[in-house]
């Protein structure tokens, strides 16, 4: 596991706002008790996927740094709009779609990031090897396989989407899309005069891969030597 500075470095490497902003957000949400409060140096606590997701939300679910803790709390309780059906979902994605909240789904996505990346790489290889005569059914959707988490502001809604390819009696493009909303009793009343601006922020798999490597450097080292 990583210490907080290593986690901050991982975020800063893929966030154009730079390390200073990541440090600021980390301090604000840590002071709110959403990231482990640690000592400095060798006595510092090791970060977990829970801490990483808190910082991910703090950085992407609020336009105002001071409101980051409130945003983390609001987005963390979002629940899937529909119950997950696991019949046709690859095993690597089952923990994501079965998660009861957005927070736990993002934790599952972070843990499984290398396996999802391998699935997408296999999809690209399968697409490349598909004969052109039958590739049309796949190509019409676009030659892109990806995984992405998306947050919508100011109303707290979100989604996790994955697009991959399988060979089920022929190449088939597959899509998973899970939407998340607040419970009915906690949805904010949106007033058009107050909120006339919508913001959509998407975080791709490369960010989750960086965070995974920061949290589990030994695992990343083993994958790099294979």
C-alpha atoms as a PDB file:
ATOM      1  CA  UNK A   1       0.000   0.000   0.000  1.00  0.00           C
ATOM      2  CA  UNK A   2       1.053   3.594  -0.593  1.00  0.00           C
ATOM      3  CA  UNK A   3       1.406   6.595   1.664  1.00  0.00           C
ATOM      4  CA  UNK A   4      -0.678   9.693   0.904  1.00  0.00           C
ATOM      5  CA  UNK A   5       2.130  11.536  -0.976  1.00  0.00           C
ATOM      6  CA  UNK A   6       2.417   8.644  -3.448  1.00  0.00           C
ATOM      7  CA  UNK A   7      -1.336   8.710  -3.986  1.00  0.00           C
ATOM      8  CA  UNK A   8      -1.206  12.459  -4.552  1.00  0.00           C
ATOM      9  CA  UNK A   9       1.599  11.976  -7.105  1.00  0.00           C
ATOM     10  CA  UNK A  10      -0.520   9.411  -8.970  1.00  0.00           C
ATOM     11  CA  UNK A  11      -3.450  11.823  -9.191  1.00  0.00           C
ATOM     12  CA  UNK A  12      -1.233  14.762 -10.144  1.00  0.00           C
ATOM     13  CA  UNK A  13       0.243  12.764 -13.047  1.00  0.00           C
ATOM     14  CA  UNK A  14      -3.167  12.582 -14.734  1.00  0.00           C
ATOM     15  CA  UNK A  15      -4.861  15.770 -13.526  1.00  0.00           C
ATOM     16  CA  UNK A  16      -4.072  18.928 -15.544  1.00  0.00           C
ATOM     17  CA  UNK A  17      -4.714  21.145 -12.524  1.00  0.00           C
ATOM     18  CA  UNK A  18      -1.395  20.034 -11.068  1.00  0.00           C
ATOM     19  CA  UNK A  19      -0.067  18.729  -7.785  1.00  0.00           C
ATOM     20  CA  UNK A  20      -0.854  21.853  -5.760  1.00  0.00           C
ATOM     21  CA  UNK A  21      -4.577  21.443  -6.403  1.00  0.00           C
ATOM     22  CA  UNK A  22      -4.464  17.744  -5.554  1.00  0.00           C
ATOM     23  CA  UNK A  23      -2.635  18.529  -2.302  1.00  0.00           C
ATOM     24  CA  UNK A  24      -5.206  21.192  -1.433  1.00  0.00           C
ATOM     25  CA  UNK A  25      -8.168  18.893  -2.036  1.00  0.00           C
ATOM     26  CA  UNK A  26      -6.481  16.053  -0.132  1.00  0.00           C
ATOM     27  CA  UNK A  27      -5.932  18.315   2.864  1.00  0.00           C
ATOM     28  CA  UNK A  28      -9.529  19.564   2.883  1.00  0.00           C
ATOM     29  CA  UNK A  29     -11.142  16.139   2.698  1.00  0.00           C
ATOM     30  CA  UNK A  30      -8.611  14.637   5.111  1.00  0.00           C
ATOM     31  CA  UNK A  31      -9.466  17.334   7.669  1.00  0.00           C
ATOM     32  CA  UNK A  32     -13.121  16.396   7.160  1.00  0.00           C
ATOM     33  CA  UNK A  33     -12.286  12.811   8.134  1.00  0.00           C
ATOM     34  CA  UNK A  34     -12.811  11.342   4.662  1.00  0.00           C
ATOM     35  CA  UNK A  35      -9.187  10.254   4.264  1.00  0.00           C
ATOM     36  CA  UNK A  36      -7.172   8.655   7.028  1.00  0.00           C
ATOM     37  CA  UNK A  37      -5.456  11.191   9.262  1.00  0.00           C
ATOM     38  CA  UNK A  38      -1.847  10.123   9.400  1.00  0.00           C
ATOM     39  CA  UNK A  39       1.452  11.015  10.941  1.00  0.00           C
ATOM     40  CA  UNK A  40       4.354  12.104   8.808  1.00  0.00           C
ATOM     41  CA  UNK A  41       7.235   9.942   7.683  1.00  0.00           C
ATOM     42  CA  UNK A  42       7.549   6.261   8.551  1.00  0.00           C
ATOM     43  CA  UNK A  43       4.575   6.403  10.907  1.00  0.00           C
ATOM     44  CA  UNK A  44       2.177   7.522   8.183  1.00  0.00           C
ATOM     45  CA  UNK A  45      -0.821   5.289   7.529  1.00  0.00           C
ATOM     46  CA  UNK A  46      -1.054   3.282   4.351  1.00  0.00           C
ATOM     47  CA  UNK A  47      -3.735   4.408   1.923  1.00  0.00           C
ATOM     48  CA  UNK A  48      -6.436   2.015   0.726  1.00  0.00           C
ATOM     49  CA  UNK A  49      -8.822   1.976  -2.210  1.00  0.00           C
ATOM     50  CA  UNK A  50     -11.330   3.685   0.096  1.00  0.00           C
ATOM     51  CA  UNK A  51      -9.007   6.668   0.544  1.00  0.00           C
ATOM     52  CA  UNK A  52      -8.227   6.770  -3.186  1.00  0.00           C
ATOM     53  CA  UNK A  53     -11.919   6.919  -4.130  1.00  0.00           C
ATOM     54  CA  UNK A  54     -12.528   9.675  -1.573  1.00  0.00           C
ATOM     55  CA  UNK A  55      -9.802  11.760  -3.208  1.00  0.00           C
ATOM     56  CA  UNK A  56     -11.093  10.864  -6.680  1.00  0.00           C
ATOM     57  CA  UNK A  57     -14.527  12.201  -5.752  1.00  0.00           C
ATOM     58  CA  UNK A  58     -13.101  15.231  -4.006  1.00  0.00           C
ATOM     59  CA  UNK A  59     -11.209  16.186  -7.141  1.00  0.00           C
ATOM     60  CA  UNK A  60     -13.993  15.545  -9.641  1.00  0.00           C
ATOM     61  CA  UNK A  61     -17.359  15.985  -7.937  1.00  0.00           C
ATOM     62  CA  UNK A  62     -17.113  19.621  -6.855  1.00  0.00           C
ATOM     63  CA  UNK A  63     -16.129  22.822  -8.614  1.00  0.00           C
ATOM     64  CA  UNK A  64     -15.231  24.490  -5.309  1.00  0.00           C
ATOM     65  CA  UNK A  65     -12.423  22.927  -3.299  1.00  0.00           C
ATOM     66  CA  UNK A  66     -13.987  23.956  -0.015  1.00  0.00           C
ATOM     67  CA  UNK A  67     -17.150  22.063  -0.984  1.00  0.00           C
ATOM     68  CA  UNK A  68     -15.222  18.880  -1.809  1.00  0.00           C
ATOM     69  CA  UNK A  69     -16.102  17.085   1.471  1.00  0.00           C
ATOM     70  CA  UNK A  70     -19.807  17.754   0.938  1.00  0.00           C
ATOM     71  CA  UNK A  71     -19.537  16.491  -2.639  1.00  0.00           C
ATOM     72  CA  UNK A  72     -17.797  13.293  -1.520  1.00  0.00           C
ATOM     73  CA  UNK A  73     -20.587  12.590   0.955  1.00  0.00           C
ATOM     74  CA  UNK A  74     -23.322  13.292  -1.610  1.00  0.00           C
ATOM     75  CA  UNK A  75     -21.825  11.213  -4.398  1.00  0.00           C
ATOM     76  CA  UNK A  76     -20.782   8.346  -2.125  1.00  0.00           C
ATOM     77  CA  UNK A  77     -24.393   7.440  -1.345  1.00  0.00           C
ATOM     78  CA  UNK A  78     -25.569   7.311  -4.960  1.00  0.00           C
ATOM     79  CA  UNK A  79     -27.112   3.942  -5.776  1.00  0.00           C
ATOM     80  CA  UNK A  80     -27.551   2.095  -9.084  1.00  0.00           C
ATOM     81  CA  UNK A  81     -30.788   2.981 -10.819  1.00  0.00           C
ATOM     82  CA  UNK A  82     -31.528  -0.673 -11.536  1.00  0.00           C
ATOM     83  CA  UNK A  83     -30.477  -3.836  -9.773  1.00  0.00           C
ATOM     84  CA  UNK A  84     -27.408  -5.353 -11.392  1.00  0.00           C
ATOM     85  CA  UNK A  85     -27.889  -8.427 -13.563  1.00  0.00           C
ATOM     86  CA  UNK A  86     -24.801 -10.576 -13.678  1.00  0.00           C
ATOM     87  CA  UNK A  87     -25.807 -13.234 -16.183  1.00  0.00           C
ATOM     88  CA  UNK A  88     -23.879 -11.885 -19.164  1.00  0.00           C
ATOM     89  CA  UNK A  89     -21.312  -9.756 -17.353  1.00  0.00           C
ATOM     90  CA  UNK A  90     -17.676 -10.915 -17.358  1.00  0.00           C
ATOM     91  CA  UNK A  91     -16.473 -12.029 -13.904  1.00  0.00           C
ATOM     92  CA  UNK A  92     -14.033  -9.118 -13.709  1.00  0.00           C
ATOM     93  CA  UNK A  93     -16.951  -6.653 -13.879  1.00  0.00           C
ATOM     94  CA  UNK A  94     -19.333  -8.442 -11.498  1.00  0.00           C
ATOM     95  CA  UNK A  95     -18.046  -6.654  -8.357  1.00  0.00           C
ATOM     96  CA  UNK A  96     -18.637  -3.335 -10.111  1.00  0.00           C
ATOM     97  CA  UNK A  97     -22.212  -3.999 -11.198  1.00  0.00           C
ATOM     98  CA  UNK A  98     -23.169  -5.701  -7.922  1.00  0.00           C
ATOM     99  CA  UNK A  99     -21.862  -2.872  -5.744  1.00  0.00           C
ATOM    100  CA  UNK A 100     -24.697  -1.231  -3.752  1.00  0.00           C
ATOM    101  CA  UNK A 101     -23.320   2.322  -4.015  1.00  0.00           C
ATOM    102  CA  UNK A 102     -21.235   4.414  -6.378  1.00  0.00           C
ATOM    103  CA  UNK A 103     -18.466   4.502  -3.772  1.00  0.00           C
ATOM    104  CA  UNK A 104     -18.167   0.713  -3.575  1.00  0.00           C
ATOM    105  CA  UNK A 105     -18.482   0.424  -7.373  1.00  0.00           C
ATOM    106  CA  UNK A 106     -15.528   2.788  -7.856  1.00  0.00           C
ATOM    107  CA  UNK A 107     -13.537   0.812  -5.295  1.00  0.00           C
ATOM    108  CA  UNK A 108     -14.270  -2.366  -7.260  1.00  0.00           C
ATOM    109  CA  UNK A 109     -13.324  -0.642 -10.524  1.00  0.00           C
ATOM    110  CA  UNK A 110     -10.043   0.501  -8.992  1.00  0.00           C
ATOM    111  CA  UNK A 111      -9.184  -2.967  -7.688  1.00  0.00           C
ATOM    112  CA  UNK A 112     -10.003  -4.621 -11.027  1.00  0.00           C
ATOM    113  CA  UNK A 113      -8.364  -1.965 -13.238  1.00  0.00           C
ATOM    114  CA  UNK A 114      -5.463  -4.150 -14.493  1.00  0.00           C
ATOM    115  CA  UNK A 115      -7.815  -7.028 -15.337  1.00  0.00           C
ATOM    116  CA  UNK A 116     -10.197  -4.666 -17.151  1.00  0.00           C
ATOM    117  CA  UNK A 117      -7.242  -3.222 -19.039  1.00  0.00           C
ATOM    118  CA  UNK A 118      -6.249  -6.737 -20.105  1.00  0.00           C
ATOM    119  CA  UNK A 119      -9.820  -7.403 -21.256  1.00  0.00           C
ATOM    120  CA  UNK A 120      -9.759  -4.262 -23.389  1.00  0.00           C
ATOM    121  CA  UNK A 121      -6.375  -5.221 -24.842  1.00  0.00           C
ATOM    122  CA  UNK A 122      -7.805  -8.628 -25.752  1.00  0.00           C
ATOM    123  CA  UNK A 123     -10.762  -6.864 -27.369  1.00  0.00           C
ATOM    124  CA  UNK A 124      -8.438  -4.835 -29.577  1.00  0.00           C
ATOM    125  CA  UNK A 125      -6.548  -7.988 -30.550  1.00  0.00           C
ATOM    126  CA  UNK A 126      -9.787  -9.827 -31.325  1.00  0.00           C
ATOM    127  CA  UNK A 127     -10.963  -6.914 -33.439  1.00  0.00           C
ATOM    128  CA  UNK A 128      -7.664  -6.856 -35.319  1.00  0.00           C
ATOM    129  CA  UNK A 129      -7.886 -10.576 -36.091  1.00  0.00           C
ATOM    130  CA  UNK A 130     -11.529 -10.472 -37.165  1.00  0.00           C
ATOM    131  CA  UNK A 131     -11.775 -10.976 -40.964  1.00  0.00           C
ATOM    132  CA  UNK A 132     -12.834  -7.828 -42.771  1.00  0.00           C
ATOM    133  CA  UNK A 133     -15.745  -9.692 -44.322  1.00  0.00           C
ATOM    134  CA  UNK A 134     -17.481  -9.978 -40.934  1.00  0.00           C
ATOM    135  CA  UNK A 135     -15.869  -7.033 -39.177  1.00  0.00           C
ATOM    136  CA  UNK A 136     -18.558  -4.642 -40.405  1.00  0.00           C
ATOM    137  CA  UNK A 137     -20.979  -5.608 -37.651  1.00  0.00           C
ATOM    138  CA  UNK A 138     -18.329  -4.600 -35.130  1.00  0.00           C
ATOM    139  CA  UNK A 139     -16.850  -1.623 -36.944  1.00  0.00           C
ATOM    140  CA  UNK A 140     -20.183   0.159 -37.259  1.00  0.00           C
ATOM    141  CA  UNK A 141     -20.000   0.919 -33.547  1.00  0.00           C
ATOM    142  CA  UNK A 142     -16.526   2.415 -33.807  1.00  0.00           C
ATOM    143  CA  UNK A 143     -13.169   0.850 -33.116  1.00  0.00           C
ATOM    144  CA  UNK A 144     -12.780   1.787 -29.488  1.00  0.00           C
ATOM    145  CA  UNK A 145     -12.860  -0.251 -26.291  1.00  0.00           C
ATOM    146  CA  UNK A 146     -12.793   1.673 -23.054  1.00  0.00           C
ATOM    147  CA  UNK A 147     -13.832   2.033 -19.413  1.00  0.00           C
ATOM    148  CA  UNK A 148     -14.930   5.321 -17.888  1.00  0.00           C
ATOM    149  CA  UNK A 149     -16.536   6.794 -14.761  1.00  0.00           C
ATOM    150  CA  UNK A 150     -18.578   9.963 -15.311  1.00  0.00           C
ATOM    151  CA  UNK A 151     -19.840  12.495 -12.774  1.00  0.00           C
ATOM    152  CA  UNK A 152     -22.567  15.078 -13.414  1.00  0.00           C
ATOM    153  CA  UNK A 153     -22.742  18.393 -11.530  1.00  0.00           C
ATOM    154  CA  UNK A 154     -24.449  20.144  -9.822  1.00  0.00           C
ATOM    155  CA  UNK A 155     -27.085  17.415  -9.484  1.00  0.00           C
ATOM    156  CA  UNK A 156     -25.307  14.372  -8.024  1.00  0.00           C
ATOM    157  CA  UNK A 157     -25.636  11.680 -10.689  1.00  0.00           C
ATOM    158  CA  UNK A 158     -22.965   9.420 -12.134  1.00  0.00           C
ATOM    159  CA  UNK A 159     -22.329   6.437 -14.369  1.00  0.00           C
ATOM    160  CA  UNK A 160     -19.765   3.726 -15.007  1.00  0.00           C
ATOM    161  CA  UNK A 161     -19.427   2.407 -18.555  1.00  0.00           C
ATOM    162  CA  UNK A 162     -17.265  -0.276 -20.147  1.00  0.00           C
ATOM    163  CA  UNK A 163     -17.130  -1.267 -23.819  1.00  0.00           C
ATOM    164  CA  UNK A 164     -15.366  -4.453 -24.866  1.00  0.00           C
ATOM    165  CA  UNK A 165     -15.528  -7.242 -27.427  1.00  0.00           C
ATOM    166  CA  UNK A 166     -16.240 -10.941 -27.073  1.00  0.00           C
ATOM    167  CA  UNK A 167     -16.184 -13.858 -29.475  1.00  0.00           C
ATOM    168  CA  UNK A 168     -19.553 -15.515 -28.938  1.00  0.00           C
ATOM    169  CA  UNK A 169     -20.114 -17.504 -32.126  1.00  0.00           C
ATOM    170  CA  UNK A 170     -18.606 -14.479 -33.829  1.00  0.00           C
ATOM    171  CA  UNK A 171     -17.219 -11.117 -32.710  1.00  0.00           C
ATOM    172  CA  UNK A 172     -19.696  -9.101 -30.652  1.00  0.00           C
ATOM    173  CA  UNK A 173     -19.238  -5.642 -29.218  1.00  0.00           C
ATOM    174  CA  UNK A 174     -20.477  -5.525 -25.624  1.00  0.00           C
ATOM    175  CA  UNK A 175     -21.435  -2.560 -23.459  1.00  0.00           C
ATOM    176  CA  UNK A 176     -21.997  -2.163 -19.745  1.00  0.00           C
ATOM    177  CA  UNK A 177     -23.564   1.038 -18.459  1.00  0.00           C
ATOM    178  CA  UNK A 178     -24.624   1.514 -14.841  1.00  0.00           C
ATOM    179  CA  UNK A 179     -26.222   4.811 -13.789  1.00  0.00           C
ATOM    180  CA  UNK A 180     -26.289   6.097 -10.220  1.00  0.00           C
ATOM    181  CA  UNK A 181     -28.687   8.504  -8.520  1.00  0.00           C
ATOM    182  CA  UNK A 182     -29.423   9.653  -5.003  1.00  0.00           C
ATOM    183  CA  UNK A 183     -32.319   8.011  -3.141  1.00  0.00           C
ATOM    184  CA  UNK A 184     -35.623   9.709  -3.926  1.00  0.00           C
ATOM    185  CA  UNK A 185     -35.849  11.300  -0.479  1.00  0.00           C
ATOM    186  CA  UNK A 186     -32.400  12.885  -0.820  1.00  0.00           C
ATOM    187  CA  UNK A 187     -32.475  14.232  -4.348  1.00  0.00           C
ATOM    188  CA  UNK A 188     -31.897  17.980  -4.379  1.00  0.00           C
ATOM    189  CA  UNK A 189     -34.615  20.303  -5.573  1.00  0.00           C
ATOM    190  CA  UNK A 190     -33.147  21.914  -8.649  1.00  0.00           C
ATOM    191  CA  UNK A 191     -34.101  25.528  -9.235  1.00  0.00           C
ATOM    192  CA  UNK A 192     -33.407  26.688 -12.757  1.00  0.00           C
ATOM    193  CA  UNK A 193     -32.526  30.219 -11.713  1.00  0.00           C
ATOM    194  CA  UNK A 194     -29.928  28.992  -9.261  1.00  0.00           C
ATOM    195  CA  UNK A 195     -28.465  26.164 -11.325  1.00  0.00           C
ATOM    196  CA  UNK A 196     -28.308  26.957 -15.009  1.00  0.00           C
ATOM    197  CA  UNK A 197     -24.962  25.308 -15.649  1.00  0.00           C
ATOM    198  CA  UNK A 198     -24.280  21.601 -16.049  1.00  0.00           C
ATOM    199  CA  UNK A 199     -20.838  20.052 -15.780  1.00  0.00           C
ATOM    200  CA  UNK A 200     -19.820  16.556 -16.855  1.00  0.00           C
ATOM    201  CA  UNK A 201     -16.471  15.155 -15.759  1.00  0.00           C
ATOM    202  CA  UNK A 202     -15.206  11.777 -16.988  1.00  0.00           C
ATOM    203  CA  UNK A 203     -12.324   9.758 -15.583  1.00  0.00           C
ATOM    204  CA  UNK A 204     -10.829   7.059 -17.782  1.00  0.00           C
ATOM    205  CA  UNK A 205      -9.183   3.744 -17.039  1.00  0.00           C
ATOM    206  CA  UNK A 206      -5.662   5.187 -17.231  1.00  0.00           C
ATOM    207  CA  UNK A 207      -6.340   7.138 -14.024  1.00  0.00           C
ATOM    208  CA  UNK A 208      -7.543   4.003 -12.250  1.00  0.00           C
ATOM    209  CA  UNK A 209      -4.454   2.138 -13.473  1.00  0.00           C
ATOM    210  CA  UNK A 210      -2.172   4.831 -12.041  1.00  0.00           C
ATOM    211  CA  UNK A 211      -3.985   4.731  -8.721  1.00  0.00           C
ATOM    212  CA  UNK A 212      -3.853   0.936  -8.640  1.00  0.00           C
ATOM    213  CA  UNK A 213      -0.107   1.001  -9.288  1.00  0.00           C
ATOM    214  CA  UNK A 214       0.365   3.543  -6.486  1.00  0.00           C
ATOM    215  CA  UNK A 215      -1.660   1.510  -3.999  1.00  0.00           C
ATOM    216  CA  UNK A 216      -0.136  -1.851  -4.895  1.00  0.00           C
ATOM    217  CA  UNK A 217       3.373  -1.142  -6.269  1.00  0.00           C
ATOM    218  CA  UNK A 218       4.553  -4.723  -5.769  1.00  0.00           C
ATOM    219  CA  UNK A 219       1.750  -6.019  -7.986  1.00  0.00           C
ATOM    220  CA  UNK A 220       2.538  -3.406 -10.616  1.00  0.00           C
ATOM    221  CA  UNK A 221       6.199  -4.432 -10.538  1.00  0.00           C
ATOM    222  CA  UNK A 222       5.293  -8.078 -11.070  1.00  0.00           C
ATOM    223  CA  UNK A 223       3.106  -7.228 -14.050  1.00  0.00           C
ATOM    224  CA  UNK A 224       5.901  -5.150 -15.510  1.00  0.00           C
ATOM    225  CA  UNK A 225       8.398  -8.014 -15.346  1.00  0.00           C
ATOM    226  CA  UNK A 226       6.184 -10.589 -17.051  1.00  0.00           C
END
